[in-house]
């Protein structure tokens, strides 16, 4: 599992490098969203791999996502008061 976490962390770093995140300097070039999407796809690949290692299939992954989405919406409605 650790190797997938580290790989995903690296890919997230590559996403950051494709974004114009340095607010203190003049923009060098416009962001290339096709490159950003490609790096995010790499992140997703490693994330899905980790779910598979944990024995989670696509249907369960969607169920888990929807449960968490509902929970997050409820938290937002309560302004994160627990």
Protein backbone atom coordinates (compact mmCIF):
# COMPACT_ATOMS: atom_id res chain seq x y z
CA UNK A 1 0.00 0.00 0.00
CA UNK A 2 2.80 2.43 0.89
CA UNK A 3 4.26 2.34 -2.62
CA UNK A 4 0.88 3.40 -4.04
CA UNK A 5 0.59 6.23 -1.52
CA UNK A 6 4.06 7.47 -2.42
CA UNK A 7 3.34 7.17 -6.15
CA UNK A 8 0.10 9.10 -5.72
CA UNK A 9 1.92 11.77 -3.71
CA UNK A 10 4.44 12.12 -6.53
CA UNK A 11 1.67 12.42 -9.10
CA UNK A 12 -0.03 15.11 -7.00
CA UNK A 13 3.27 16.98 -7.03
CA UNK A 14 3.23 16.76 -10.81
CA UNK A 15 -0.29 18.21 -10.83
CA UNK A 16 0.95 21.14 -8.75
CA UNK A 17 3.82 21.73 -11.17
CA UNK A 18 1.31 22.03 -14.03
CA UNK A 19 -0.62 24.73 -12.16
CA UNK A 20 0.29 28.40 -11.91
CA UNK A 21 0.47 28.32 -8.12
CA UNK A 22 3.25 30.84 -7.49
CA UNK A 23 1.18 33.93 -6.75
CA UNK A 24 4.28 36.06 -6.10
CA UNK A 25 5.59 35.96 -9.64
CA UNK A 26 4.37 37.02 -13.03
CA UNK A 27 2.54 34.29 -14.88
CA UNK A 28 4.96 32.55 -17.20
CA UNK A 29 2.43 30.67 -19.31
CA UNK A 30 -1.20 29.70 -19.29
CA UNK A 31 -1.97 26.45 -17.53
CA UNK A 32 -2.20 23.45 -19.85
CA UNK A 33 -5.34 21.73 -18.62
CA UNK A 34 -4.72 18.65 -20.77
CA UNK A 35 -1.52 18.06 -18.77
CA UNK A 36 -3.34 18.69 -15.49
CA UNK A 37 -6.02 16.16 -16.46
CA UNK A 38 -3.35 13.61 -17.45
CA UNK A 39 -1.65 13.95 -14.06
CA UNK A 40 -4.98 13.72 -12.22
CA UNK A 41 -5.70 10.53 -14.15
CA UNK A 42 -2.42 9.13 -12.83
CA UNK A 43 -3.51 10.05 -9.30
CA UNK A 44 -6.84 8.30 -9.87
CA UNK A 45 -5.05 5.19 -11.15
CA UNK A 46 -3.07 4.83 -7.92
CA UNK A 47 -6.12 5.62 -5.78
CA UNK A 48 -8.17 2.92 -7.50
CA UNK A 49 -5.24 0.51 -7.09
CA UNK A 50 -5.28 1.15 -3.34
CA UNK A 51 -9.01 0.47 -3.17
CA UNK A 52 -8.44 -2.80 -5.03
CA UNK A 53 -5.69 -3.78 -2.59
CA UNK A 54 -8.17 -3.16 0.23
CA UNK A 55 -10.64 -5.52 -1.45
CA UNK A 56 -13.02 -2.81 -2.59
CA UNK A 57 -14.67 -3.23 -6.00
CA UNK A 58 -16.07 -0.47 -8.21
CA UNK A 59 -19.62 -0.78 -6.89
CA UNK A 60 -18.54 -0.61 -3.26
CA UNK A 61 -16.25 2.32 -4.07
CA UNK A 62 -19.23 4.22 -5.50
CA UNK A 63 -21.33 3.31 -2.46
CA UNK A 64 -18.60 4.54 -0.10
CA UNK A 65 -18.28 7.77 -2.08
CA UNK A 66 -22.02 8.43 -1.99
CA UNK A 67 -22.20 7.75 1.76
CA UNK A 68 -19.34 10.20 2.37
CA UNK A 69 -20.85 12.77 -0.02
CA UNK A 70 -24.15 12.67 1.90
CA UNK A 71 -22.27 13.02 5.20
CA UNK A 72 -20.28 16.00 3.89
CA UNK A 73 -23.45 17.73 2.64
CA UNK A 74 -25.05 17.23 6.04
CA UNK A 75 -21.95 18.71 7.71
CA UNK A 76 -22.08 21.72 5.41
CA UNK A 77 -25.75 22.19 6.22
CA UNK A 78 -24.80 22.22 9.91
CA UNK A 79 -21.78 24.44 9.18
CA UNK A 80 -19.57 21.63 10.48
CA UNK A 81 -21.06 21.74 13.96
CA UNK A 82 -20.67 18.20 15.24
